[in-house]
C-alpha cells in the first residue's frame, strides 16, 4: 500500500484521505525528481509501476475464456446458409413493408 492510500490526520481525531490536489502536487514532485535519472533507471521504475498495476488489475478467475464465450453461440446445428439468410431477410421485409 502506498503512502497515498493511507489516511492522514487533519485535526484532532479527524482522518481524511489525501486530497487530489496534494496527490497531484506529489506526482509533480516525483516527475521533477526522476528527470535527472538515467533512462535505464526510469525504465526500471516504469516496469515496477506496470507490474504493480498488473497485480492490482489482474483478471478475475471467474471471467469466461474466449473459447467459453464462443460456445455460447453454439447450438449444435449448422449455421444458416446464405440462401436461408436471404430468405429470412426477404420474409422480414415483406412482413414489415408489405
Protein backbone atom coordinates (compact mmCIF):
# COMPACT_ATOMS: atom_id res chain seq x y z
CA UNK A 1 0.00 0.00 0.00
CA UNK A 2 1.42 3.39 -0.92
CA UNK A 3 1.57 6.44 1.26
CA UNK A 4 -1.24 7.92 -0.82
CA UNK A 5 -3.58 5.12 0.21
CA UNK A 6 -3.19 5.82 3.93
CA UNK A 7 -5.46 8.22 5.77
CA UNK A 8 -3.75 11.18 7.35
CA UNK A 9 -4.60 13.23 10.38
CA UNK A 10 -6.06 16.61 9.50
CA UNK A 11 -7.14 17.55 13.00
CA UNK A 12 -7.75 16.01 16.41
CA UNK A 13 -9.32 12.61 15.73
CA UNK A 14 -10.35 13.66 12.22
CA UNK A 15 -8.98 11.41 9.44
CA UNK A 16 -9.44 12.25 5.79
CA UNK A 17 -7.97 10.80 2.63
CA UNK A 18 -5.22 12.80 0.96
CA UNK A 19 -6.83 15.43 -1.23
CA UNK A 20 -6.46 15.07 -5.01
CA UNK A 21 -4.63 18.41 -5.06
CA UNK A 22 -1.95 17.10 -2.73
CA UNK A 23 -1.76 13.87 -4.74
CA UNK A 24 -1.21 15.95 -7.89
CA UNK A 25 1.47 18.00 -6.15
CA UNK A 26 3.28 14.83 -5.01
CA UNK A 27 3.10 13.42 -8.53
CA UNK A 28 4.64 16.61 -9.90
CA UNK A 29 7.43 16.38 -7.32
CA UNK A 30 8.16 12.79 -8.30
CA UNK A 31 8.23 13.68 -12.00
CA UNK A 32 10.69 16.52 -11.35
CA UNK A 33 12.84 14.26 -9.18
CA UNK A 34 13.13 11.45 -11.74
CA UNK A 35 14.01 13.75 -14.67
CA UNK A 36 17.63 13.58 -13.58
CA UNK A 37 17.63 9.76 -13.55
CA UNK A 38 19.16 7.78 -16.38
CA UNK A 39 16.87 6.33 -19.00
CA UNK A 40 17.65 2.86 -17.64
CA UNK A 41 16.55 3.84 -14.12
CA UNK A 42 13.34 5.45 -15.40
CA UNK A 43 12.55 2.35 -17.47
CA UNK A 44 13.08 0.19 -14.40
CA UNK A 45 10.67 2.41 -12.44
CA UNK A 46 8.17 2.13 -15.30
CA UNK A 47 8.44 -1.67 -15.23
CA UNK A 48 7.84 -1.73 -11.48
CA UNK A 49 4.83 0.58 -11.84
CA UNK A 50 3.37 -1.51 -14.67
CA UNK A 51 3.87 -4.69 -12.66
CA UNK A 52 2.15 -3.19 -9.62
CA UNK A 53 -0.79 -2.14 -11.80
CA UNK A 54 -0.98 -5.60 -13.38
CA UNK A 55 -1.12 -7.16 -9.92
CA UNK A 56 -4.00 -4.90 -8.90
CA UNK A 57 -5.85 -5.16 -12.22
CA UNK A 58 -5.37 -8.91 -12.65
CA UNK A 59 -8.38 -10.50 -14.34
CA UNK A 60 -10.82 -12.36 -12.14
CA UNK A 61 -10.57 -16.13 -12.47
CA UNK A 62 -14.36 -16.28 -12.88
CA UNK A 63 -14.18 -14.42 -16.19
CA UNK A 64 -15.06 -16.67 -19.14
CA UNK A 65 -12.40 -17.53 -21.68
CA UNK A 66 -12.73 -16.73 -25.38
CA UNK A 67 -13.45 -20.39 -26.06
CA UNK A 68 -16.27 -20.39 -23.48
CA UNK A 69 -17.74 -17.22 -24.99
CA UNK A 70 -17.65 -18.75 -28.47
CA UNK A 71 -19.53 -21.75 -27.05
CA UNK A 72 -22.45 -19.51 -26.05
CA UNK A 73 -23.50 -19.28 -29.68
CA UNK A 74 -23.04 -22.98 -30.44
CA UNK A 75 -26.47 -24.62 -30.54
CA UNK A 76 -25.26 -27.87 -32.05
CA UNK A 77 -26.69 -27.23 -35.50
CA UNK A 78 -25.05 -25.97 -38.66
CA UNK A 79 -25.10 -22.21 -39.30
CA UNK A 80 -27.67 -20.98 -41.80
CA UNK A 81 -26.73 -20.84 -45.45
CA UNK A 82 -26.61 -17.60 -47.42
CA UNK A 83 -29.81 -18.64 -49.18
CA UNK A 84 -31.60 -19.17 -45.84
CA UNK A 85 -30.44 -15.77 -44.60
CA UNK A 86 -31.60 -14.11 -47.81
CA UNK A 87 -34.97 -15.81 -47.45
CA UNK A 88 -35.34 -14.65 -43.83
CA UNK A 89 -34.45 -11.09 -44.82
CA UNK A 90 -36.97 -11.14 -47.67
CA UNK A 91 -39.69 -12.53 -45.37
CA UNK A 92 -38.97 -9.86 -42.77
CA UNK A 93 -39.06 -7.09 -45.37
CA UNK A 94 -42.40 -8.38 -46.68
CA UNK A 95 -43.80 -8.53 -43.15
CA UNK A 96 -42.54 -5.06 -42.29
CA UNK A 97 -43.18 -3.18 -45.57
CA UNK A 98 -45.84 -5.32 -47.19
